[in-house]
Amino acid sequence: MKPEREIPHEWFRHNYDALTDAQRRVMKSAMERQPITQNTNEVYEENLSFSDKLSDSMARIGGSWRFITGFCVFLGIWALGNMWLATRAFDPYPFIFLNLVLSMLAAIQAPIIMMAQHRQLQHDRIDAGHDYEVNLKAEIEIMALHDKLDRLRNDQLVQILNRIEVLSEDIRRMERIRNTDA
C-alpha cells in the first residue's frame, strides 16, 4: 500500500498538506476501510443545552395546529366571556388587555422561534458537511475500484501477452522441427 502522503495527490490532485480536515478524515477512513457514516441527529443533539431543547420544544408547540386551535378557543372564550359579562367585564371591548397579552406573547415567541430556526440551520450545516464527506468517500472508493480494475485488466493483458509469446515460440519451434524433418 502506498504511504498516506502519496495518496492525496492521486485522489484529490493536491498534496497532503493542502487537504482540509474533512478530506483527511475521509482519506483515513477509505484507507482503513472504515465507514464514515454517522447519525447527524445524535451529533447535533449531543451539543444542545437545556435552554436549546426548551426553546425547540416551545417553537415546536407554538408552530403546531394544536396550539393554533387552542389559542383560537382561548381568544373566543376571552372575547365571548368579556362581552357576556358586559358591565362586570375585566377587559371590555375593544379588549385592550388582550392586545397587551398578545403583544407580549408575540414579543417572546418570535425570538424563541428565531433561535430554533438558527439551530436548524446549524443542524443543516452538520448534515451538509456529513453529506460532503460521504460523497467524497464514495468518489474515492469508486476511483480506487477503477484503479483496481485497471490493474487487474493490465495484469490479464500481460498474462495474455506472455501466453501468446509462449505459443508463438511453440509454433516457431514446431515449424523448425517440421522444416528439419522435411
Protein backbone atom coordinates (compact mmCIF):
# COMPACT_ATOMS: atom_id res chain seq x y z
CA MET A 1 0.00 0.00 0.00
CA LYS A 2 1.18 3.50 -0.80
CA PRO A 3 2.20 5.85 2.02
CA GLU A 4 -0.55 8.11 3.30
CA ARG A 5 1.16 11.26 1.99
CA GLU A 6 1.29 9.97 -1.64
CA ILE A 7 -2.37 9.00 -2.00
CA PRO A 8 -3.94 12.50 -1.79
CA HIS A 9 -2.27 13.62 -4.99
CA GLU A 10 -3.75 10.59 -6.72
CA TRP A 11 -7.30 11.12 -5.37
CA PHE A 12 -7.54 14.85 -4.67
CA ARG A 13 -4.98 16.31 -7.08
CA HIS A 14 -3.48 18.13 -4.06
CA ASN A 15 -0.59 17.32 -1.79
CA TYR A 16 -1.27 16.08 1.74
CA ASP A 17 -0.66 19.44 3.43
CA ALA A 18 -3.28 21.18 1.22
CA LEU A 19 -6.10 18.84 2.33
CA THR A 20 -8.88 20.01 4.64
CA ASP A 21 -9.62 18.18 7.88
CA ALA A 22 -12.69 16.60 6.27
CA GLN A 23 -10.62 15.34 3.33
CA ARG A 24 -8.01 13.87 5.68
CA ARG A 25 -10.75 12.15 7.72
CA VAL A 26 -12.26 10.72 4.55
CA MET A 27 -8.89 9.60 3.22
CA LYS A 28 -8.04 7.90 6.52
CA SER A 29 -11.45 6.21 6.57
CA ALA A 30 -11.00 4.99 2.99
CA MET A 31 -7.50 3.66 3.64
CA GLU A 32 -8.60 1.85 6.81
CA ARG A 33 -11.77 0.56 5.10
CA GLN A 34 -13.91 2.06 7.87
CA PRO A 35 -17.40 3.52 7.39
CA ILE A 36 -17.72 7.27 7.63
CA THR A 37 -21.48 7.50 8.04
CA GLN A 38 -22.90 8.70 11.31
CA ASN A 39 -26.25 9.76 12.68
CA THR A 40 -26.05 13.54 12.43
CA ASN A 41 -29.10 13.88 14.67
CA GLU A 42 -27.13 12.31 17.53
CA VAL A 43 -24.12 14.54 16.86
CA TYR A 44 -26.35 17.61 16.81
CA GLU A 45 -28.33 16.69 19.93
CA GLU A 46 -25.18 15.97 21.95
CA ASN A 47 -24.29 19.67 21.75
CA LEU A 48 -27.70 21.08 22.75
CA SER A 49 -28.07 22.79 26.10
CA PHE A 50 -31.20 22.65 28.25
CA SER A 51 -32.29 26.10 27.03
CA ASP A 52 -31.79 25.00 23.40
CA LYS A 53 -34.00 21.96 23.94
CA LEU A 54 -36.58 24.07 25.77
CA SER A 55 -36.79 26.69 23.03
CA ASP A 56 -37.01 23.96 20.38
CA SER A 57 -39.92 22.42 22.28
CA MET A 58 -41.61 25.80 22.62
CA ALA A 59 -41.15 26.50 18.89
CA ARG A 60 -42.47 23.03 18.06
CA ILE A 61 -45.56 23.63 20.23
CA GLY A 62 -46.04 27.24 19.06
CA GLY A 63 -45.90 26.18 15.44
CA SER A 64 -48.45 23.39 15.69
CA TRP A 65 -52.12 23.18 14.73
CA ARG A 66 -52.88 22.15 18.29
CA PHE A 67 -51.52 25.45 19.58
CA ILE A 68 -53.37 27.47 16.92
CA THR A 69 -56.64 25.66 17.66
CA GLY A 70 -56.20 26.02 21.42
CA PHE A 71 -55.29 29.68 21.10
CA CYS A 72 -58.35 30.37 18.90
CA VAL A 73 -60.54 28.69 21.54
CA PHE A 74 -58.85 30.81 24.24
CA LEU A 75 -59.43 34.03 22.25
CA GLY A 76 -63.06 33.07 21.61
CA ILE A 77 -63.68 32.37 25.30
CA TRP A 78 -61.95 35.66 26.26
CA ALA A 79 -64.00 37.72 23.80
CA LEU A 80 -67.33 35.99 24.48
CA GLY A 81 -66.78 35.96 28.23
CA ASN A 82 -66.00 39.67 28.32
CA MET A 83 -68.95 40.54 26.08
CA TRP A 84 -71.32 38.33 28.11
CA LEU A 85 -70.21 39.85 31.39
CA ALA A 86 -70.61 43.32 29.75
CA THR A 87 -70.87 45.51 32.87
CA ARG A 88 -68.55 43.43 35.09
CA ALA A 89 -66.03 42.52 32.33
CA PHE A 90 -62.38 42.79 33.39
CA ASP A 91 -61.35 43.57 29.77
CA PRO A 92 -64.30 45.22 28.00
CA TYR A 93 -64.46 45.65 24.24
CA PRO A 94 -62.04 46.62 22.42
CA PHE A 95 -60.04 44.18 24.62
CA ILE A 96 -57.03 46.38 25.42
CA PHE A 97 -55.65 43.91 27.99
CA LEU A 98 -55.94 41.06 25.44
CA ASN A 99 -53.95 43.16 22.96
CA LEU A 100 -51.26 43.67 25.60
CA VAL A 101 -51.12 39.92 26.35
CA LEU A 102 -50.92 39.06 22.64
CA SER A 103 -48.17 41.64 22.08
CA MET A 104 -46.12 40.24 24.96
CA LEU A 105 -46.65 36.70 23.73
CA ALA A 106 -45.51 37.69 20.22
CA ALA A 107 -42.50 39.55 21.65
CA ILE A 108 -41.39 36.41 23.49
CA GLN A 109 -42.42 33.83 20.91
CA ALA A 110 -40.66 35.46 17.91
CA PRO A 111 -37.08 35.29 19.30
CA ILE A 112 -37.67 31.75 20.56
CA ILE A 113 -38.76 30.65 17.08
CA MET A 114 -35.80 32.50 15.54
CA MET A 115 -33.41 30.68 17.91
CA ALA A 116 -34.95 27.36 16.90
CA GLN A 117 -34.56 28.27 13.22
CA HIS A 118 -30.93 29.23 13.80
CA ARG A 119 -30.28 25.86 15.43
CA GLN A 120 -32.00 24.15 12.48
CA LEU A 121 -29.55 25.96 10.20
CA GLN A 122 -26.68 24.64 12.31
CA HIS A 123 -28.15 21.14 12.04
CA ASP A 124 -28.44 21.58 8.27
CA ARG A 125 -24.77 22.61 8.13
CA ILE A 126 -23.80 19.47 10.05
CA ASP A 127 -25.87 17.40 7.60
CA ALA A 128 -24.30 19.13 4.60
CA GLY A 129 -20.78 18.56 5.96
CA HIS A 130 -21.53 14.92 6.59
CA ASP A 131 -23.08 14.52 3.14
CA TYR A 132 -19.93 16.03 1.65
CA GLU A 133 -17.73 13.54 3.49
CA VAL A 134 -19.91 10.57 2.50
CA ASN A 135 -19.97 11.69 -1.15
CA LEU A 136 -16.24 12.29 -1.14
CA LYS A 137 -15.59 8.85 0.29
CA ALA A 138 -17.89 7.30 -2.32
CA GLU A 139 -15.91 9.06 -5.05
CA ILE A 140 -12.63 7.85 -3.58
CA GLU A 141 -13.94 4.28 -3.34
CA ILE A 142 -15.10 4.43 -6.97
CA MET A 143 -11.69 5.76 -8.06
CA ALA A 144 -10.00 3.00 -6.05
CA LEU A 145 -12.23 0.40 -7.72
CA HIS A 146 -11.36 1.83 -11.15
CA ASP A 147 -7.67 1.64 -10.27
CA LYS A 148 -8.07 -1.94 -9.10
CA LEU A 149 -9.96 -2.92 -12.25
CA ASP A 150 -7.30 -1.21 -14.39
CA ARG A 151 -4.56 -3.15 -12.57
CA LEU A 152 -6.47 -6.42 -13.00
CA ARG A 153 -7.02 -5.73 -16.71
CA ASN A 154 -3.36 -4.84 -17.17
CA ASP A 155 -2.31 -8.00 -15.31
CA GLN A 156 -4.60 -10.05 -17.54
CA LEU A 157 -3.20 -8.38 -20.66
CA VAL A 158 0.35 -9.12 -19.51
CA GLN A 159 -0.62 -12.75 -18.88
CA ILE A 160 -2.29 -12.97 -22.31
CA LEU A 161 0.76 -11.41 -23.98
CA ASN A 162 3.06 -13.84 -22.13
CA ARG A 163 0.84 -16.75 -23.19
CA ILE A 164 0.87 -15.50 -26.81
CA GLU A 165 4.64 -15.24 -26.66
CA VAL A 166 4.90 -18.80 -25.32
CA LEU A 167 2.52 -20.05 -28.03
CA SER A 168 4.44 -18.13 -30.70
CA GLU A 169 7.66 -19.69 -29.50
CA ASP A 170 5.99 -23.14 -29.57
CA ILE A 171 4.76 -22.51 -33.13
CA ARG A 172 8.25 -21.39 -34.26
CA ARG A 173 9.78 -24.42 -32.61
CA MET A 174 7.25 -26.71 -34.31
CA GLU A 175 7.96 -25.04 -37.68
CA ARG A 176 11.68 -25.57 -37.19
CA ILE A 177 11.06 -29.20 -36.34
CA ARG A 178 8.81 -29.62 -39.37
CA ASN A 179 11.35 -27.87 -41.62
CA THR A 180 14.19 -30.06 -40.38
CA ASP A 181 12.03 -33.21 -40.86
CA ALA A 182 11.10 -32.23 -44.39
